[in-house]
């Protein structure tokens, strides 16, 4: 009896495919077309190059690289070496970034990046790197998750390590 049920379902599946050849062919073409135009690691590297340029030249276009509801994480590296994640609300982050650009420009603050890796992940592209702030000898970890939107690639999540302990005081502050 179980064999009869299996044969019945196999016959139904076969009939479905035979009746819907055109539909299945169109779906195959559509998925092939979409995958050809999906963003890939090369696009992610070009995106990160623009990000680095905008950040290091204090260009307001940097703000446009973020999704309005991006998850911003600052992983504070404590003097003991322990880390603590601080989630910064996007509105507050964008406001502070805009203010911080003015100070950074005066101080000529820039970040250098090395070991940049872009790979595809289920929710977009993940860009990982090590970051060295101006006048420092140490390197800190960072990553960004970028997703393709109608307006191009946007940062939907960003984590940067920092040794700035002041972030800990802002742990539970809102926007």
N, C-alpha and C. Protein backbone atom coordinates (compact mmCIF):
# COMPACT_ATOMS: atom_id res chain seq x y z
N UNK A 1 0.81 -1.21 0.00
CA UNK A 1 0.00 0.00 0.00
C UNK A 1 0.86 1.28 0.00
N UNK A 2 1.93 1.38 0.83
CA UNK A 2 2.76 2.59 0.79
C UNK A 2 3.37 2.83 -0.58
N UNK A 3 3.72 1.73 -1.28
CA UNK A 3 4.28 1.89 -2.62
C UNK A 3 3.28 2.53 -3.57
N UNK A 4 2.02 2.21 -3.42
CA UNK A 4 0.97 2.78 -4.26
C UNK A 4 0.85 4.29 -4.02
N UNK A 5 0.98 4.70 -2.77
CA UNK A 5 0.89 6.13 -2.43
C UNK A 5 2.06 6.88 -3.04
N UNK A 6 3.25 6.30 -2.92
CA UNK A 6 4.45 6.93 -3.48
C UNK A 6 4.31 7.04 -5.00
N UNK A 7 3.88 5.99 -5.63
CA UNK A 7 3.69 6.01 -7.08
C UNK A 7 2.65 7.06 -7.50
N UNK A 8 1.59 7.16 -6.72
CA UNK A 8 0.56 8.16 -7.01
C UNK A 8 1.17 9.57 -6.98
N UNK A 9 1.94 9.88 -5.92
CA UNK A 9 2.53 11.22 -5.80
C UNK A 9 3.57 11.48 -6.89
N UNK A 10 4.34 10.47 -7.23
CA UNK A 10 5.31 10.63 -8.31
C UNK A 10 4.61 10.92 -9.63
N UNK A 11 3.50 10.22 -9.87
CA UNK A 11 2.73 10.44 -11.10
C UNK A 11 2.15 11.86 -11.11
N UNK A 12 1.65 12.34 -9.99
CA UNK A 12 1.11 13.70 -9.89
C UNK A 12 2.19 14.74 -10.16
N UNK A 13 3.37 14.53 -9.59
CA UNK A 13 4.48 15.47 -9.81
C UNK A 13 4.87 15.47 -11.28
N UNK A 14 4.96 14.28 -11.89
CA UNK A 14 5.29 14.17 -13.31
C UNK A 14 4.25 14.91 -14.17
N UNK A 15 2.99 14.70 -13.89
CA UNK A 15 1.93 15.36 -14.63
C UNK A 15 2.02 16.89 -14.49
N UNK A 16 2.31 17.35 -13.29
CA UNK A 16 2.44 18.79 -13.06
C UNK A 16 3.54 19.38 -13.94
N UNK A 17 4.71 18.72 -13.94
CA UNK A 17 5.83 19.23 -14.73
C UNK A 17 5.53 19.18 -16.22
N UNK A 18 4.88 18.15 -16.66
CA UNK A 18 4.57 18.04 -18.07
C UNK A 18 3.56 19.11 -18.51
N UNK A 19 2.60 19.41 -17.68
CA UNK A 19 1.58 20.42 -18.02
C UNK A 19 2.11 21.83 -17.91
N UNK A 20 3.15 22.03 -17.11
CA UNK A 20 3.64 23.38 -16.83
C UNK A 20 5.06 23.62 -17.35
N UNK A 21 5.41 23.01 -18.47
CA UNK A 21 6.75 23.17 -19.04
C UNK A 21 7.07 24.64 -19.31
N UNK A 22 6.14 25.34 -19.89
CA UNK A 22 6.38 26.75 -20.24
C UNK A 22 6.58 27.58 -18.98
N UNK A 23 5.72 27.39 -18.00
CA UNK A 23 5.85 28.13 -16.74
C UNK A 23 7.19 27.84 -16.07
N UNK A 24 7.59 26.60 -16.02
CA UNK A 24 8.85 26.23 -15.39
C UNK A 24 10.04 26.80 -16.16
N UNK A 25 9.94 26.79 -17.49
CA UNK A 25 11.01 27.37 -18.31
C UNK A 25 11.15 28.86 -18.03
N UNK A 26 10.01 29.57 -17.96
CA UNK A 26 10.05 31.00 -17.66
C UNK A 26 10.63 31.27 -16.28
N UNK A 27 10.26 30.46 -15.30
CA UNK A 27 10.82 30.62 -13.95
C UNK A 27 12.32 30.39 -13.95
N UNK A 28 12.77 29.39 -14.67
CA UNK A 28 14.20 29.11 -14.77
C UNK A 28 14.94 30.31 -15.36
N UNK A 29 14.41 30.86 -16.44
CA UNK A 29 15.03 32.03 -17.09
C UNK A 29 15.05 33.22 -16.13
N UNK A 30 13.94 33.45 -15.44
CA UNK A 30 13.86 34.55 -14.49
C UNK A 30 14.91 34.42 -13.38
N UNK A 31 15.00 33.25 -12.78
CA UNK A 31 15.98 33.05 -11.70
C UNK A 31 17.41 33.16 -12.21
N UNK A 32 17.66 32.69 -13.42
CA UNK A 32 18.99 32.83 -14.00
C UNK A 32 19.31 34.30 -14.21
N UNK A 33 18.35 35.06 -14.74
CA UNK A 33 18.54 36.49 -14.97
C UNK A 33 18.80 37.23 -13.67
N UNK A 34 18.03 36.94 -12.64
CA UNK A 34 18.20 37.60 -11.34
C UNK A 34 19.57 37.30 -10.76
N UNK A 35 20.00 36.03 -10.83
CA UNK A 35 21.28 35.67 -10.23
C UNK A 35 22.44 36.32 -10.99
N UNK A 36 22.28 36.56 -12.28
CA UNK A 36 23.34 37.22 -13.05
C UNK A 36 23.52 38.67 -12.62
N UNK A 37 22.45 39.30 -12.17
CA UNK A 37 22.52 40.70 -11.82
C UNK A 37 22.55 40.94 -10.31
N UNK A 38 22.59 39.89 -9.53
CA UNK A 38 22.68 40.06 -8.08
C UNK A 38 24.04 40.65 -7.74
N UNK A 39 24.11 41.35 -6.63
CA UNK A 39 25.37 41.94 -6.20
C UNK A 39 26.32 40.83 -5.78
N UNK A 40 27.59 41.04 -6.08
CA UNK A 40 28.59 40.03 -5.78
C UNK A 40 29.75 40.65 -5.00
N UNK A 41 30.72 39.86 -4.56
CA UNK A 41 31.84 40.41 -3.78
C UNK A 41 32.59 41.56 -4.46
N UNK A 42 32.67 41.53 -5.78
CA UNK A 42 33.34 42.63 -6.49
C UNK A 42 32.58 43.95 -6.27
N UNK A 43 31.24 43.87 -6.30
CA UNK A 43 30.41 45.06 -6.02
C UNK A 43 30.62 45.51 -4.58
N UNK A 44 30.74 44.54 -3.67
CA UNK A 44 30.96 44.86 -2.26
C UNK A 44 32.28 45.57 -2.04
N UNK A 45 33.32 45.16 -2.75
CA UNK A 45 34.63 45.81 -2.61
C UNK A 45 34.58 47.24 -3.15
N UNK A 46 33.90 47.44 -4.26
CA UNK A 46 33.75 48.80 -4.81
C UNK A 46 32.96 49.67 -3.84
N UNK A 47 31.93 49.09 -3.24
CA UNK A 47 31.13 49.81 -2.24
C UNK A 47 32.01 50.21 -1.06
N UNK A 48 32.82 49.28 -0.56
CA UNK A 48 33.68 49.58 0.59
C UNK A 48 34.74 50.63 0.24
N UNK A 49 35.25 50.60 -0.98
CA UNK A 49 36.20 51.64 -1.42
C UNK A 49 35.55 53.02 -1.37
N UNK A 50 34.29 53.11 -1.83
CA UNK A 50 33.55 54.39 -1.76
C UNK A 50 33.34 54.80 -0.30
N UNK A 51 32.94 53.82 0.51
CA UNK A 51 32.72 54.08 1.94
C UNK A 51 33.99 54.68 2.57
N UNK A 52 35.13 54.03 2.34
CA UNK A 52 36.40 54.50 2.90
C UNK A 52 36.73 55.90 2.41
N UNK A 53 36.52 56.14 1.13
CA UNK A 53 36.80 57.47 0.57
C UNK A 53 35.90 58.53 1.21
N UNK A 54 34.60 58.26 1.28
CA UNK A 54 33.67 59.23 1.88
C UNK A 54 34.01 59.48 3.34
N UNK A 55 34.32 58.42 4.08
CA UNK A 55 34.63 58.57 5.50
C UNK A 55 35.91 59.39 5.70
N UNK A 56 36.93 59.10 4.91
CA UNK A 56 38.22 59.77 5.09
C UNK A 56 38.29 61.15 4.46
N UNK A 57 37.27 61.53 3.69
CA UNK A 57 37.22 62.89 3.13
C UNK A 57 36.06 63.68 3.74
N UNK A 58 35.39 63.08 4.73
CA UNK A 58 34.33 63.74 5.50
C UNK A 58 33.16 64.15 4.61
N UNK A 59 32.88 63.34 3.62
CA UNK A 59 31.82 63.61 2.65
C UNK A 59 30.46 63.22 3.25
N UNK A 60 29.49 64.12 3.15
CA UNK A 60 28.14 63.84 3.66
C UNK A 60 27.48 62.67 2.94
N UNK A 61 27.98 62.29 1.76
CA UNK A 61 27.43 61.15 1.03
C UNK A 61 27.56 59.86 1.84
N UNK A 62 28.44 59.86 2.83
CA UNK A 62 28.61 58.68 3.69
C UNK A 62 27.28 58.29 4.34
N UNK A 63 26.52 59.28 4.77
CA UNK A 63 25.23 59.00 5.43
C UNK A 63 24.28 58.26 4.51
N UNK A 64 24.34 58.53 3.23
CA UNK A 64 23.46 57.89 2.25
C UNK A 64 23.81 56.43 1.99
N UNK A 65 24.92 55.97 2.55
CA UNK A 65 25.33 54.58 2.35
C UNK A 65 24.67 53.64 3.36
N UNK A 66 23.99 54.23 4.35
CA UNK A 66 23.35 53.44 5.40
C UNK A 66 21.85 53.32 5.15
N UNK A 67 21.31 52.17 5.50
CA UNK A 67 19.87 52.00 5.54
C UNK A 67 19.34 52.84 6.72
N UNK A 68 18.17 53.47 6.59
CA UNK A 68 17.65 54.30 7.69
C UNK A 68 17.46 53.53 9.00
N UNK A 69 17.30 52.22 8.92
CA UNK A 69 17.10 51.44 10.14
C UNK A 69 18.28 50.48 10.39
N UNK A 70 19.47 50.91 9.99
CA UNK A 70 20.66 50.08 10.16
C UNK A 70 20.92 49.77 11.63
N UNK A 71 21.45 48.59 11.87
CA UNK A 71 21.85 48.20 13.22
C UNK A 71 23.32 48.60 13.38
N UNK A 72 23.57 49.53 14.30
CA UNK A 72 24.93 50.05 14.52
C UNK A 72 25.44 49.50 15.85
N UNK A 73 26.54 48.76 15.79
CA UNK A 73 27.11 48.16 16.98
C UNK A 73 28.52 48.71 17.18
N UNK A 74 28.79 49.18 18.38
CA UNK A 74 30.15 49.56 18.75
C UNK A 74 30.59 48.57 19.82
N UNK A 75 31.60 47.79 19.48
CA UNK A 75 32.13 46.80 20.41
C UNK A 75 33.29 47.47 21.15
N UNK A 76 33.03 47.86 22.39
CA UNK A 76 34.03 48.58 23.18
C UNK A 76 35.04 47.58 23.74
N UNK A 77 36.31 47.79 23.42
CA UNK A 77 37.38 46.96 23.94
C UNK A 77 37.86 47.64 25.23
N UNK A 78 37.59 46.98 26.35
CA UNK A 78 37.96 47.54 27.65
C UNK A 78 39.46 47.35 27.89
N UNK A 79 40.04 48.12 28.80
CA UNK A 79 41.47 47.98 29.10
C UNK A 79 41.87 46.54 29.48
N UNK A 80 40.94 45.80 30.05
CA UNK A 80 41.20 44.40 30.44
C UNK A 80 41.24 43.47 29.22
N UNK A 81 40.80 43.96 28.06
CA UNK A 81 40.72 43.14 26.86
C UNK A 81 39.32 42.59 26.62
N UNK A 82 38.46 42.64 27.65
CA UNK A 82 37.07 42.22 27.48
C UNK A 82 36.38 43.18 26.52
N UNK A 83 35.30 42.71 25.92
CA UNK A 83 34.53 43.58 25.02
C UNK A 83 33.09 43.65 25.47
N UNK A 84 32.45 44.75 25.12
CA UNK A 84 31.02 44.92 25.40
C UNK A 84 30.38 45.62 24.22
N UNK A 85 29.30 45.03 23.74
CA UNK A 85 28.58 45.59 22.59
C UNK A 85 27.62 46.69 23.05
N UNK A 86 27.68 47.81 22.35
CA UNK A 86 26.75 48.91 22.56
C UNK A 86 26.00 49.11 21.26
N UNK A 87 24.67 49.01 21.32
CA UNK A 87 23.84 49.24 20.13
C UNK A 87 23.49 50.73 20.12
N UNK A 88 23.82 51.39 19.03
CA UNK A 88 23.56 52.82 18.89
C UNK A 88 22.34 52.98 17.99
N UNK A 89 21.28 53.64 18.48
CA UNK A 89 20.11 53.85 17.62
C UNK A 89 20.51 54.62 16.35
N UNK A 90 19.98 54.22 15.20
CA UNK A 90 20.39 54.83 13.93
C UNK A 90 20.27 56.35 13.91
N UNK A 91 19.15 56.90 14.39
CA UNK A 91 18.99 58.36 14.35
C UNK A 91 20.10 59.06 15.12
N UNK A 92 20.40 58.53 16.30
CA UNK A 92 21.48 59.12 17.11
C UNK A 92 22.82 58.97 16.41
N UNK A 93 23.06 57.80 15.83
CA UNK A 93 24.32 57.57 15.14
C UNK A 93 24.51 58.55 13.98
N UNK A 94 23.46 58.73 13.17
CA UNK A 94 23.56 59.63 12.02
C UNK A 94 23.82 61.07 12.48
N UNK A 95 23.15 61.47 13.54
CA UNK A 95 23.33 62.82 14.09
C UNK A 95 24.77 63.00 14.59
N UNK A 96 25.27 62.01 15.35
CA UNK A 96 26.63 62.09 15.89
C UNK A 96 27.68 61.99 14.79
N UNK A 97 27.40 61.20 13.77
CA UNK A 97 28.33 61.08 12.65
C UNK A 97 28.49 62.41 11.95
N UNK A 98 27.38 63.08 11.72
CA UNK A 98 27.42 64.37 11.04
C UNK A 98 28.22 65.40 11.86
N UNK A 99 27.98 65.42 13.18
CA UNK A 99 28.75 66.33 14.05
C UNK A 99 30.22 65.92 14.12
N UNK A 100 30.45 64.61 14.21
CA UNK A 100 31.81 64.11 14.34
C UNK A 100 32.67 64.37 13.12
N UNK A 101 32.05 64.45 11.95
CA UNK A 101 32.81 64.71 10.73
C UNK A 101 33.53 66.06 10.80
N UNK A 102 32.90 67.04 11.43
CA UNK A 102 33.53 68.37 11.53
C UNK A 102 34.79 68.31 12.39
N UNK A 103 34.70 67.64 13.52
CA UNK A 103 35.86 67.50 14.40
C UNK A 103 36.94 66.65 13.74
N UNK A 104 36.53 65.57 13.09
CA UNK A 104 37.47 64.68 12.42
C UNK A 104 38.24 65.43 11.33
N UNK A 105 37.55 66.30 10.62
CA UNK A 105 38.21 67.06 9.55
C UNK A 105 39.28 67.99 10.13
N UNK A 106 38.96 68.64 11.23
CA UNK A 106 39.93 69.54 11.88
C UNK A 106 41.16 68.75 12.34
N UNK A 107 40.92 67.59 12.93
CA UNK A 107 42.01 66.76 13.46
C UNK A 107 42.66 65.90 12.38
N UNK A 108 42.12 65.92 11.17
CA UNK A 108 42.57 65.09 10.05
C UNK A 108 42.55 63.60 10.42
N UNK A 109 41.49 63.20 11.10
CA UNK A 109 41.30 61.81 11.52
C UNK A 109 40.91 60.96 10.33
N UNK A 110 41.56 59.84 10.18
CA UNK A 110 41.25 58.91 9.11
C UNK A 110 41.43 57.49 9.63
N UNK A 111 40.85 56.55 8.95
CA UNK A 111 41.05 55.14 9.25
C UNK A 111 41.75 54.47 8.08
N UNK A 112 42.67 53.57 8.40
CA UNK A 112 43.27 52.70 7.39
C UNK A 112 42.64 51.34 7.56
N UNK A 113 42.51 50.59 6.48
CA UNK A 113 41.92 49.26 6.53
C UNK A 113 42.87 48.25 5.89
N UNK A 114 42.88 47.05 6.45
CA UNK A 114 43.65 45.96 5.85
C UNK A 114 42.86 44.66 6.01
N UNK A 115 43.32 43.64 5.32
CA UNK A 115 42.67 42.31 5.37
C UNK A 115 41.18 42.40 5.07
N UNK A 116 40.85 43.14 4.04
CA UNK A 116 39.45 43.34 3.65
C UNK A 116 38.96 42.09 2.92
N UNK A 117 37.85 41.55 3.41
CA UNK A 117 37.26 40.35 2.81
C UNK A 117 35.78 40.62 2.58
N UNK A 118 35.32 40.33 1.36
CA UNK A 118 33.90 40.47 1.03
C UNK A 118 33.40 39.09 0.65
N UNK A 119 32.31 38.68 1.30
CA UNK A 119 31.74 37.38 0.96
C UNK A 119 30.22 37.46 1.00
N UNK A 120 29.62 36.59 0.22
CA UNK A 120 28.16 36.52 0.20
C UNK A 120 27.67 35.79 1.44
N UNK A 121 26.63 36.35 2.05
CA UNK A 121 25.97 35.74 3.20
C UNK A 121 24.48 35.71 2.89
N UNK A 122 23.68 34.97 3.64
CA UNK A 122 22.25 34.87 3.32
C UNK A 122 21.52 36.21 3.23
N UNK A 123 21.95 37.19 4.03
CA UNK A 123 21.24 38.48 4.02
C UNK A 123 22.00 39.57 3.27
N UNK A 124 22.86 39.21 2.32
CA UNK A 124 23.55 40.21 1.51
C UNK A 124 25.03 39.90 1.35
N UNK A 125 25.83 40.92 1.52
CA UNK A 125 27.28 40.78 1.47
C UNK A 125 27.86 41.18 2.82
N UNK A 126 28.85 40.45 3.29
CA UNK A 126 29.52 40.81 4.53
C UNK A 126 30.92 41.28 4.19
N UNK A 127 31.23 42.49 4.62
CA UNK A 127 32.55 43.08 4.41
C UNK A 127 33.23 43.10 5.77
N UNK A 128 34.34 42.40 5.88
CA UNK A 128 35.10 42.35 7.14
C UNK A 128 36.47 42.95 6.89
N UNK A 129 37.01 43.60 7.91
CA UNK A 129 38.34 44.19 7.78
C UNK A 129 38.91 44.48 9.16
N UNK A 130 40.15 44.91 9.16
CA UNK A 130 40.77 45.45 10.36
C UNK A 130 40.97 46.93 10.10
N UNK A 131 40.75 47.72 11.15
CA UNK A 131 40.76 49.18 11.03
C UNK A 131 41.81 49.76 11.97
N UNK A 132 42.58 50.71 11.45
CA UNK A 132 43.56 51.40 12.29
C UNK A 132 43.24 52.89 12.30
N UNK A 133 42.86 53.42 13.47
CA UNK A 133 42.60 54.86 13.57
C UNK A 133 43.90 55.67 13.45
N UNK A 134 43.77 56.92 13.07
CA UNK A 134 44.91 57.82 12.96
C UNK A 134 45.72 57.83 14.25
N UNK A 135 47.03 57.86 14.11
CA UNK A 135 47.99 57.97 15.22
C UNK A 135 47.96 56.78 16.19
N UNK A 136 47.41 55.66 15.79
CA UNK A 136 47.39 54.47 16.66
C UNK A 136 48.22 53.36 16.01
N UNK A 137 48.70 52.46 16.83
CA UNK A 137 49.50 51.34 16.33
C UNK A 137 48.69 50.06 16.28
N UNK A 138 47.55 50.02 16.96
CA UNK A 138 46.74 48.81 17.01
C UNK A 138 45.72 48.78 15.88
N UNK A 139 45.20 47.58 15.64
CA UNK A 139 44.18 47.34 14.63
C UNK A 139 42.95 46.80 15.32
N UNK A 140 41.78 47.23 14.88
CA UNK A 140 40.50 46.82 15.46
C UNK A 140 39.66 46.12 14.40
N UNK A 141 38.83 45.19 14.84
CA UNK A 141 37.95 44.46 13.92
C UNK A 141 36.73 45.31 13.55
N UNK A 142 36.23 45.05 12.36
CA UNK A 142 34.98 45.68 11.92
C UNK A 142 34.34 44.80 10.87
N UNK A 143 33.01 44.96 10.72
CA UNK A 143 32.32 44.34 9.60
C UNK A 143 31.09 45.17 9.27
N UNK A 144 30.64 45.00 8.06
CA UNK A 144 29.38 45.60 7.59
C UNK A 144 28.61 44.53 6.83
N UNK A 145 27.30 44.54 7.02
CA UNK A 145 26.41 43.74 6.17
C UNK A 145 25.74 44.73 5.23
N UNK A 146 25.87 44.51 3.94
CA UNK A 146 25.24 45.40 2.97
C UNK A 146 24.24 44.59 2.15
N UNK A 147 23.13 45.23 1.85
CA UNK A 147 22.07 44.60 1.07
C UNK A 147 21.75 45.46 -0.14
N UNK A 148 21.33 44.80 -1.19
CA UNK A 148 20.93 45.50 -2.40
C UNK A 148 19.51 46.03 -2.20
N UNK A 149 19.32 47.31 -2.47
CA UNK A 149 18.00 47.93 -2.38
C UNK A 149 17.69 48.61 -3.71
N UNK A 150 16.53 49.23 -3.80
CA UNK A 150 16.19 49.98 -5.01
C UNK A 150 17.16 51.13 -5.24
N UNK A 151 17.79 51.60 -4.17
CA UNK A 151 18.76 52.71 -4.25
C UNK A 151 20.20 52.21 -4.25
N UNK A 152 20.42 50.95 -4.55
CA UNK A 152 21.77 50.39 -4.55
C UNK A 152 22.10 49.74 -3.22
N UNK A 153 23.36 49.39 -3.05
CA UNK A 153 23.78 48.75 -1.81
C UNK A 153 23.68 49.72 -0.63
N UNK A 154 23.20 49.20 0.50
CA UNK A 154 23.08 49.99 1.73
C UNK A 154 23.59 49.15 2.90
N UNK A 155 24.21 49.82 3.86
CA UNK A 155 24.67 49.16 5.08
C UNK A 155 23.46 48.92 5.96
N UNK A 156 23.20 47.66 6.29
CA UNK A 156 22.07 47.32 7.16
C UNK A 156 22.54 46.95 8.56
N UNK A 157 23.83 46.62 8.67
CA UNK A 157 24.41 46.32 9.98
C UNK A 157 25.89 46.67 9.93
N UNK A 158 26.36 47.26 11.02
CA UNK A 158 27.78 47.62 11.08
C UNK A 158 28.28 47.39 12.50
N UNK A 159 29.42 46.73 12.61
CA UNK A 159 30.07 46.56 13.90
C UNK A 159 31.49 47.07 13.76
N UNK A 160 31.85 47.94 14.66
CA UNK A 160 33.24 48.41 14.72
C UNK A 160 33.70 48.34 16.16
N UNK A 161 34.89 47.78 16.33
CA UNK A 161 35.49 47.81 17.65
C UNK A 161 36.05 49.20 17.89
N UNK A 162 36.04 49.59 19.16
CA UNK A 162 36.60 50.87 19.54
C UNK A 162 37.21 50.75 20.93
N UNK A 163 38.20 51.56 21.21
CA UNK A 163 38.76 51.61 22.56
C UNK A 163 38.25 52.84 23.30
N UNK A 164 37.35 53.58 22.67
CA UNK A 164 36.76 54.78 23.29
C UNK A 164 35.76 54.32 24.35
N UNK A 165 36.15 54.48 25.61
CA UNK A 165 35.35 53.99 26.73
C UNK A 165 34.08 54.81 26.95
N UNK A 166 34.03 56.02 26.39
CA UNK A 166 32.85 56.88 26.56
C UNK A 166 31.58 56.22 26.03
N UNK A 167 31.72 55.31 25.08
CA UNK A 167 30.54 54.61 24.55
C UNK A 167 29.80 53.86 25.66
N UNK A 168 30.54 53.40 26.67
CA UNK A 168 29.91 52.65 27.75
C UNK A 168 28.93 53.52 28.54
N UNK A 169 29.19 54.80 28.61
CA UNK A 169 28.29 55.72 29.34
C UNK A 169 27.00 55.95 28.56
N UNK A 170 27.02 55.70 27.29
CA UNK A 170 25.84 55.93 26.44
C UNK A 170 25.08 54.63 26.18
N UNK A 171 25.38 53.61 26.94
CA UNK A 171 24.84 52.28 26.69
C UNK A 171 23.33 52.23 26.57
N UNK A 172 22.62 52.85 27.46
CA UNK A 172 21.17 52.75 27.46
C UNK A 172 20.45 54.03 27.04
N UNK A 173 21.18 54.92 26.39
CA UNK A 173 20.56 56.15 25.95
C UNK A 173 19.85 55.92 24.62
N UNK A 174 18.73 56.57 24.47
CA UNK A 174 17.93 56.42 23.25
C UNK A 174 18.45 57.27 22.12
N UNK A 175 17.54 57.68 21.30
CA UNK A 175 17.86 58.42 20.08
C UNK A 175 18.45 59.76 20.46
